[in-house]
């Protein structure tokens, strides 16, 4: 997500000709978009980072379900 924000900020600064970004070539912006695309389409999937967040969420739900089950069993006794 950080990479997307940086890329969009770079494009916005170049488009609105802010400070030194006005003199910068559009190829830098296109390169940033290409790098962002490659990261999210290939590198992130290769490293398994796209599944890590889903796995962490699943583990949190699982832990809450186990905790609730133990609490329910303790109330029955």
PDB file of N, CA and C in Angstrom:
ATOM      1  N   UNK A   1       0.822  -1.188   0.000  1.00  0.00           N
ATOM      2  CA  UNK A   1       0.000   0.000   0.000  1.00  0.00           C
ATOM      3  C   UNK A   1       0.872   1.262   0.000  1.00  0.00           C
ATOM      4  N   UNK A   2       1.977   1.179   0.736  1.00  0.00           N
ATOM      5  CA  UNK A   2       2.886   2.315   0.798  1.00  0.00           C
ATOM      6  C   UNK A   2       3.410   2.674  -0.589  1.00  0.00           C
ATOM      7  N   UNK A   3       3.697   1.652  -1.376  1.00  0.00           N
ATOM      8  CA  UNK A   3       4.212   1.865  -2.726  1.00  0.00           C
ATOM      9  C   UNK A   3       3.178   2.570  -3.617  1.00  0.00           C
ATOM     10  N   UNK A   4       1.923   2.224  -3.445  1.00  0.00           N
ATOM     11  CA  UNK A   4       0.849   2.867  -4.217  1.00  0.00           C
ATOM     12  C   UNK A   4       0.734   4.345  -3.855  1.00  0.00           C
ATOM     13  N   UNK A   5       0.795   4.652  -2.578  1.00  0.00           N
ATOM     14  CA  UNK A   5       0.679   6.035  -2.115  1.00  0.00           C
ATOM     15  C   UNK A   5       1.838   6.872  -2.660  1.00  0.00           C
ATOM     16  N   UNK A   6       3.036   6.327  -2.588  1.00  0.00           N
ATOM     17  CA  UNK A   6       4.213   7.050  -3.102  1.00  0.00           C
ATOM     18  C   UNK A   6       4.084   7.289  -4.602  1.00  0.00           C
ATOM     19  N   UNK A   7       3.650   6.274  -5.331  1.00  0.00           N
ATOM     20  CA  UNK A   7       3.509   6.403  -6.785  1.00  0.00           C
ATOM     21  C   UNK A   7       2.458   7.447  -7.148  1.00  0.00           C
ATOM     22  N   UNK A   8       1.322   7.414  -6.478  1.00  0.00           N
ATOM     23  CA  UNK A   8       0.276   8.400  -6.762  1.00  0.00           C
ATOM     24  C   UNK A   8       0.698   9.812  -6.364  1.00  0.00           C
ATOM     25  N   UNK A   9       1.430   9.926  -5.257  1.00  0.00           N
ATOM     26  CA  UNK A   9       1.930  11.237  -4.853  1.00  0.00           C
ATOM     27  C   UNK A   9       2.926  11.771  -5.879  1.00  0.00           C
ATOM     28  N   UNK A  10       3.792  10.902  -6.359  1.00  0.00           N
ATOM     29  CA  UNK A  10       4.756  11.308  -7.385  1.00  0.00           C
ATOM     30  C   UNK A  10       4.049  11.767  -8.655  1.00  0.00           C
ATOM     31  N   UNK A  11       3.021  11.041  -9.073  1.00  0.00           N
ATOM     32  CA  UNK A  11       2.265  11.425 -10.270  1.00  0.00           C
ATOM     33  C   UNK A  11       1.543  12.759 -10.051  1.00  0.00           C
ATOM     34  N   UNK A  12       0.964  12.936  -8.873  1.00  0.00           N
ATOM     35  CA  UNK A  12       0.272  14.196  -8.571  1.00  0.00           C
ATOM     36  C   UNK A  12       1.214  15.381  -8.526  1.00  0.00           C
ATOM     37  N   UNK A  13       2.361  15.196  -7.903  1.00  0.00           N
ATOM     38  CA  UNK A  13       3.340  16.278  -7.841  1.00  0.00           C
ATOM     39  C   UNK A  13       3.855  16.647  -9.228  1.00  0.00           C
ATOM     40  N   UNK A  14       4.060  15.653 -10.060  1.00  0.00           N
ATOM     41  CA  UNK A  14       4.521  15.921 -11.425  1.00  0.00           C
ATOM     42  C   UNK A  14       3.421  16.606 -12.238  1.00  0.00           C
ATOM     43  N   UNK A  15       2.202  16.117 -12.114  1.00  0.00           N
ATOM     44  CA  UNK A  15       1.091  16.674 -12.888  1.00  0.00           C
ATOM     45  C   UNK A  15       0.842  18.142 -12.546  1.00  0.00           C
ATOM     46  N   UNK A  16       0.875  18.459 -11.250  1.00  0.00           N
ATOM     47  CA  UNK A  16       0.614  19.833 -10.819  1.00  0.00           C
ATOM     48  C   UNK A  16       1.873  20.692 -10.789  1.00  0.00           C
ATOM     49  N   UNK A  17       2.980  20.142 -11.268  1.00  0.00           N
ATOM     50  CA  UNK A  17       4.246  20.857 -11.413  1.00  0.00           C
ATOM     51  C   UNK A  17       4.678  21.534 -10.117  1.00  0.00           C
ATOM     52  N   UNK A  18       4.788  20.725  -9.077  1.00  0.00           N
ATOM     53  CA  UNK A  18       5.186  21.215  -7.760  1.00  0.00           C
ATOM     54  C   UNK A  18       6.702  21.124  -7.625  1.00  0.00           C
ATOM     55  N   UNK A  19       7.321  22.210  -7.245  1.00  0.00           N
ATOM     56  CA  UNK A  19       8.724  22.331  -6.898  1.00  0.00           C
ATOM     57  C   UNK A  19       9.621  21.681  -7.945  1.00  0.00           C
ATOM     58  N   UNK A  20      10.521  20.792  -7.549  1.00  0.00           N
ATOM     59  CA  UNK A  20      11.464  20.171  -8.485  1.00  0.00           C
ATOM     60  C   UNK A  20      10.832  19.058  -9.315  1.00  0.00           C
ATOM     61  N   UNK A  21       9.658  18.628  -8.918  1.00  0.00           N
ATOM     62  CA  UNK A  21       8.985  17.566  -9.666  1.00  0.00           C
ATOM     63  C   UNK A  21       8.524  18.050 -11.040  1.00  0.00           C
ATOM     64  N   UNK A  22       8.409  19.354 -11.212  1.00  0.00           N
ATOM     65  CA  UNK A  22       8.005  19.909 -12.502  1.00  0.00           C
ATOM     66  C   UNK A  22       9.064  19.636 -13.575  1.00  0.00           C
ATOM     67  N   UNK A  23      10.316  19.584 -13.177  1.00  0.00           N
ATOM     68  CA  UNK A  23      11.407  19.360 -14.114  1.00  0.00           C
ATOM     69  C   UNK A  23      11.688  17.882 -14.351  1.00  0.00           C
ATOM     70  N   UNK A  24      11.103  17.040 -13.528  1.00  0.00           N
ATOM     71  CA  UNK A  24      11.348  15.601 -13.620  1.00  0.00           C
ATOM     72  C   UNK A  24      10.672  15.020 -14.861  1.00  0.00           C
ATOM     73  N   UNK A  25      11.287  14.007 -15.430  1.00  0.00           N
ATOM     74  CA  UNK A  25      10.738  13.367 -16.613  1.00  0.00           C
ATOM     75  C   UNK A  25       9.531  12.492 -16.247  1.00  0.00           C
ATOM     76  N   UNK A  26       8.587  12.393 -17.173  1.00  0.00           N
ATOM     77  CA  UNK A  26       7.428  11.532 -16.954  1.00  0.00           C
ATOM     78  C   UNK A  26       7.834  10.067 -16.894  1.00  0.00           C
ATOM     79  N   UNK A  27       9.013   9.734 -17.415  1.00  0.00           N
ATOM     80  CA  UNK A  27       9.477   8.347 -17.376  1.00  0.00           C
ATOM     81  C   UNK A  27       9.669   7.858 -15.943  1.00  0.00           C
ATOM     82  N   UNK A  28      10.011   8.752 -15.034  1.00  0.00           N
ATOM     83  CA  UNK A  28      10.129   8.371 -13.624  1.00  0.00           C
ATOM     84  C   UNK A  28       8.765   7.957 -13.065  1.00  0.00           C
ATOM     85  N   UNK A  29       7.740   8.681 -13.444  1.00  0.00           N
ATOM     86  CA  UNK A  29       6.386   8.354 -12.985  1.00  0.00           C
ATOM     87  C   UNK A  29       5.940   7.021 -13.589  1.00  0.00           C
ATOM     88  N   UNK A  30       6.165   6.853 -14.875  1.00  0.00           N
ATOM     89  CA  UNK A  30       5.804   5.599 -15.544  1.00  0.00           C
ATOM     90  C   UNK A  30       6.583   4.436 -14.940  1.00  0.00           C
ATOM     91  N   UNK A  31       7.850   4.665 -14.636  1.00  0.00           N
ATOM     92  CA  UNK A  31       8.665   3.635 -13.993  1.00  0.00           C
ATOM     93  C   UNK A  31       8.147   3.262 -12.612  1.00  0.00           C
ATOM     94  N   UNK A  32       7.684   4.263 -11.873  1.00  0.00           N
ATOM     95  CA  UNK A  32       7.124   3.989 -10.546  1.00  0.00           C
ATOM     96  C   UNK A  32       5.846   3.153 -10.658  1.00  0.00           C
ATOM     97  N   UNK A  33       5.005   3.479 -11.647  1.00  0.00           N
ATOM     98  CA  UNK A  33       3.798   2.678 -11.859  1.00  0.00           C
ATOM     99  C   UNK A  33       4.156   1.254 -12.280  1.00  0.00           C
ATOM    100  N   UNK A  34       5.158   1.111 -13.130  1.00  0.00           N
ATOM    101  CA  UNK A  34       5.587  -0.221 -13.569  1.00  0.00           C
ATOM    102  C   UNK A  34       6.143  -1.024 -12.392  1.00  0.00           C
ATOM    103  N   UNK A  35       6.941  -0.387 -11.550  1.00  0.00           N
ATOM    104  CA  UNK A  35       7.482  -1.054 -10.373  1.00  0.00           C
ATOM    105  C   UNK A  35       6.364  -1.495  -9.426  1.00  0.00           C
ATOM    106  N   UNK A  36       5.383  -0.638  -9.231  1.00  0.00           N
ATOM    107  CA  UNK A  36       4.250  -0.983  -8.377  1.00  0.00           C
ATOM    108  C   UNK A  36       3.484  -2.165  -8.953  1.00  0.00           C
ATOM    109  N   UNK A  37       3.261  -2.172 -10.238  1.00  0.00           N
ATOM    110  CA  UNK A  37       2.570  -3.281 -10.893  1.00  0.00           C
ATOM    111  C   UNK A  37       3.339  -4.591 -10.727  1.00  0.00           C
ATOM    112  N   UNK A  38       4.638  -4.543 -11.000  1.00  0.00           N
ATOM    113  CA  UNK A  38       5.460  -5.754 -10.871  1.00  0.00           C
ATOM    114  C   UNK A  38       5.454  -6.248  -9.431  1.00  0.00           C
ATOM    115  N   UNK A  39       5.532  -5.334  -8.472  1.00  0.00           N
ATOM    116  CA  UNK A  39       5.532  -5.734  -7.064  1.00  0.00           C
ATOM    117  C   UNK A  39       4.256  -6.487  -6.709  1.00  0.00           C
ATOM    118  N   UNK A  40       3.108  -5.903  -7.024  1.00  0.00           N
ATOM    119  CA  UNK A  40       1.849  -6.509  -6.593  1.00  0.00           C
ATOM    120  C   UNK A  40       1.440  -7.712  -7.423  1.00  0.00           C
ATOM    121  N   UNK A  41       1.871  -7.787  -8.663  1.00  0.00           N
ATOM    122  CA  UNK A  41       1.477  -8.913  -9.511  1.00  0.00           C
ATOM    123  C   UNK A  41       2.416 -10.104  -9.417  1.00  0.00           C
ATOM    124  N   UNK A  42       3.672  -9.879  -9.138  1.00  0.00           N
ATOM    125  CA  UNK A  42       4.634 -10.973  -9.181  1.00  0.00           C
ATOM    126  C   UNK A  42       5.390 -11.177  -7.873  1.00  0.00           C
ATOM    127  N   UNK A  43       6.067 -10.144  -7.406  1.00  0.00           N
ATOM    128  CA  UNK A  43       6.948 -10.299  -6.248  1.00  0.00           C
ATOM    129  C   UNK A  43       6.169 -10.631  -4.984  1.00  0.00           C
ATOM    130  N   UNK A  44       5.083  -9.915  -4.738  1.00  0.00           N
ATOM    131  CA  UNK A  44       4.297 -10.154  -3.531  1.00  0.00           C
ATOM    132  C   UNK A  44       3.740 -11.574  -3.506  1.00  0.00           C
ATOM    133  N   UNK A  45       3.266 -12.062  -4.632  1.00  0.00           N
ATOM    134  CA  UNK A  45       2.741 -13.423  -4.705  1.00  0.00           C
ATOM    135  C   UNK A  45       3.846 -14.451  -4.535  1.00  0.00           C
ATOM    136  N   UNK A  46       5.010 -14.176  -5.105  1.00  0.00           N
ATOM    137  CA  UNK A  46       6.139 -15.093  -4.988  1.00  0.00           C
ATOM    138  C   UNK A  46       6.593 -15.223  -3.541  1.00  0.00           C
ATOM    139  N   UNK A  47       6.618 -14.127  -2.817  1.00  0.00           N
ATOM    140  CA  UNK A  47       7.037 -14.143  -1.416  1.00  0.00           C
ATOM    141  C   UNK A  47       5.930 -14.595  -0.472  1.00  0.00           C
ATOM    142  N   UNK A  48       4.700 -14.711  -0.978  1.00  0.00           N
ATOM    143  CA  UNK A  48       3.580 -15.150  -0.143  1.00  0.00           C
ATOM    144  C   UNK A  48       3.006 -14.068   0.733  1.00  0.00           C
ATOM    145  N   UNK A  49       3.330 -12.824   0.459  1.00  0.00           N
ATOM    146  CA  UNK A  49       2.850 -11.727   1.297  1.00  0.00           C
ATOM    147  C   UNK A  49       1.357 -11.480   1.131  1.00  0.00           C
ATOM    148  N   UNK A  50       0.801 -11.856  -0.014  1.00  0.00           N
ATOM    149  CA  UNK A  50      -0.626 -11.659  -0.226  1.00  0.00           C
ATOM    150  C   UNK A  50      -1.443 -12.618   0.630  1.00  0.00           C
ATOM    151  N   UNK A  51      -0.915 -13.780   0.944  1.00  0.00           N
ATOM    152  CA  UNK A  51      -1.629 -14.764   1.764  1.00  0.00           C
ATOM    153  C   UNK A  51      -1.393 -14.554   3.252  1.00  0.00           C
ATOM    154  N   UNK A  52      -0.315 -13.856   3.609  1.00  0.00           N
ATOM    155  CA  UNK A  52       0.035 -13.690   5.011  1.00  0.00           C
ATOM    156  C   UNK A  52      -1.049 -12.954   5.782  1.00  0.00           C
ATOM    157  N   UNK A  53      -1.591 -11.894   5.225  1.00  0.00           N
ATOM    158  CA  UNK A  53      -2.623 -11.124   5.915  1.00  0.00           C
ATOM    159  C   UNK A  53      -3.877 -11.968   6.100  1.00  0.00           C
ATOM    160  N   UNK A  54      -4.265 -12.706   5.085  1.00  0.00           N
ATOM    161  CA  UNK A  54      -5.436 -13.565   5.191  1.00  0.00           C
ATOM    162  C   UNK A  54      -5.209 -14.655   6.242  1.00  0.00           C
ATOM    163  N   UNK A  55      -4.002 -15.190   6.295  1.00  0.00           N
ATOM    164  CA  UNK A  55      -3.675 -16.219   7.277  1.00  0.00           C
ATOM    165  C   UNK A  55      -3.720 -15.654   8.694  1.00  0.00           C
ATOM    166  N   UNK A  56      -3.189 -14.444   8.868  1.00  0.00           N
ATOM    167  CA  UNK A  56      -3.220 -13.802  10.184  1.00  0.00           C
ATOM    168  C   UNK A  56      -4.654 -13.544  10.633  1.00  0.00           C
ATOM    169  N   UNK A  57      -5.511 -13.101   9.720  1.00  0.00           N
ATOM    170  CA  UNK A  57      -6.917 -12.884  10.056  1.00  0.00           C
ATOM    171  C   UNK A  57      -7.591 -14.195  10.447  1.00  0.00           C
ATOM    172  N   UNK A  58      -7.299 -15.257   9.727  1.00  0.00           N
ATOM    173  CA  UNK A  58      -7.869 -16.572  10.031  1.00  0.00           C
ATOM    174  C   UNK A  58      -7.425 -17.046  11.412  1.00  0.00           C
ATOM    175  N   UNK A  59      -6.169 -16.835  11.749  1.00  0.00           N
ATOM    176  CA  UNK A  59      -5.658 -17.241  13.057  1.00  0.00           C
ATOM    177  C   UNK A  59      -6.326 -16.444  14.178  1.00  0.00           C
ATOM    178  N   UNK A  60      -6.591 -15.175  13.941  1.00  0.00           N
ATOM    179  CA  UNK A  60      -7.264 -14.351  14.950  1.00  0.00           C
ATOM    180  C   UNK A  60      -8.689 -14.850  15.177  1.00  0.00           C
ATOM    181  N   UNK A  61      -9.405 -15.134  14.116  1.00  0.00           N
ATOM    182  CA  UNK A  61     -10.774 -15.658  14.230  1.00  0.00           C
ATOM    183  C   UNK A  61     -10.761 -16.999  14.937  1.00  0.00           C
ATOM    184  N   UNK A  62      -9.794 -17.849  14.602  1.00  0.00           N
ATOM    185  CA  UNK A  62      -9.679 -19.169  15.217  1.00  0.00           C
ATOM    186  C   UNK A  62      -9.434 -19.045  16.718  1.00  0.00           C
ATOM    187  N   UNK A  63      -8.533 -18.146  17.108  1.00  0.00           N
ATOM    188  CA  UNK A  63      -8.223 -17.956  18.530  1.00  0.00           C
ATOM    189  C   UNK A  63      -9.445 -17.446  19.294  1.00  0.00           C
ATOM    190  N   UNK A  64     -10.206 -16.534  18.697  1.00  0.00           N
ATOM    191  CA  UNK A  64     -11.421 -16.026  19.344  1.00  0.00           C
ATOM    192  C   UNK A  64     -12.463 -17.131  19.500  1.00  0.00           C
ATOM    193  N   UNK A  65     -12.597 -17.986  18.475  1.00  0.00           N
ATOM    194  CA  UNK A  65     -13.556 -19.083  18.531  1.00  0.00           C
ATOM    195  C   UNK A  65     -13.182 -20.078  19.637  1.00  0.00           C
ATOM    196  N   UNK A  66     -11.898 -20.373  19.768  1.00  0.00           N
ATOM    197  CA  UNK A  66     -11.443 -21.284  20.817  1.00  0.00           C
ATOM    198  C   UNK A  66     -11.686 -20.677  22.190  1.00  0.00           C
ATOM    199  N   UNK A  67     -11.401 -19.400  22.338  1.00  0.00           N
ATOM    200  CA  UNK A  67     -11.613 -18.716  23.620  1.00  0.00           C
ATOM    201  C   UNK A  67     -13.086 -18.751  24.012  1.00  0.00           C
ATOM    202  N   UNK A  68     -13.973 -18.463  23.066  1.00  0.00           N
ATOM    203  CA  UNK A  68     -15.412 -18.497  23.344  1.00  0.00           C
ATOM    204  C   UNK A  68     -15.866 -19.897  23.730  1.00  0.00           C
ATOM    205  N   UNK A  69     -15.321 -20.907  23.067  1.00  0.00           N
ATOM    206  CA  UNK A  69     -15.695 -22.290  23.368  1.00  0.00           C
ATOM    207  C   UNK A  69     -15.260 -22.678  24.777  1.00  0.00           C
ATOM    208  N   UNK A  70     -14.071 -22.291  25.187  1.00  0.00           N
ATOM    209  CA  UNK A  70     -13.612 -22.571  26.539  1.00  0.00           C
ATOM    210  C   UNK A  70     -14.475 -21.849  27.569  1.00  0.00           C
ATOM    211  N   UNK A  71     -14.835 -20.600  27.282  1.00  0.00           N
ATOM    212  CA  UNK A  71     -15.688 -19.846  28.209  1.00  0.00           C
ATOM    213  C   UNK A  71     -17.058 -20.493  28.348  1.00  0.00           C
ATOM    214  N   UNK A  72     -17.603 -20.959  27.224  1.00  0.00           N
ATOM    215  CA  UNK A  72     -18.905 -21.608  27.249  1.00  0.00           C
ATOM    216  C   UNK A  72     -18.836 -22.920  28.034  1.00  0.00           C
ATOM    217  N   UNK A  73     -17.770 -23.686  27.861  1.00  0.00           N
ATOM    218  CA  UNK A  73     -17.608 -24.945  28.589  1.00  0.00           C
ATOM    219  C   UNK A  73     -17.410 -24.718  30.079  1.00  0.00           C
ATOM    220  N   UNK A  74     -16.716 -23.650  30.452  1.00  0.00           N
ATOM    221  CA  UNK A  74     -16.510 -23.353  31.862  1.00  0.00           C
ATOM    222  C   UNK A  74     -17.792 -22.901  32.527  1.00  0.00           C
ATOM    223  N   UNK A  75     -18.703 -22.246  31.802  1.00  0.00           N
ATOM    224  CA  UNK A  75     -19.977 -21.812  32.370  1.00  0.00           C
ATOM    225  C   UNK A  75     -20.897 -22.987  32.631  1.00  0.00           C
ATOM    226  N   UNK A  76     -20.789 -24.038  31.834  1.00  0.00           N
ATOM    227  CA  UNK A  76     -21.634 -25.209  32.004  1.00  0.00           C
ATOM    228  C   UNK A  76     -21.279 -25.977  33.276  1.00  0.00           C
ATOM    229  N   UNK A  77     -20.060 -25.882  33.728  1.00  0.00           N
ATOM    230  CA  UNK A  77     -19.618 -26.645  34.912  1.00  0.00           C
ATOM    231  C   UNK A  77     -20.005 -25.992  36.163  1.00  0.00           C
TER     232      UNK A  77
END
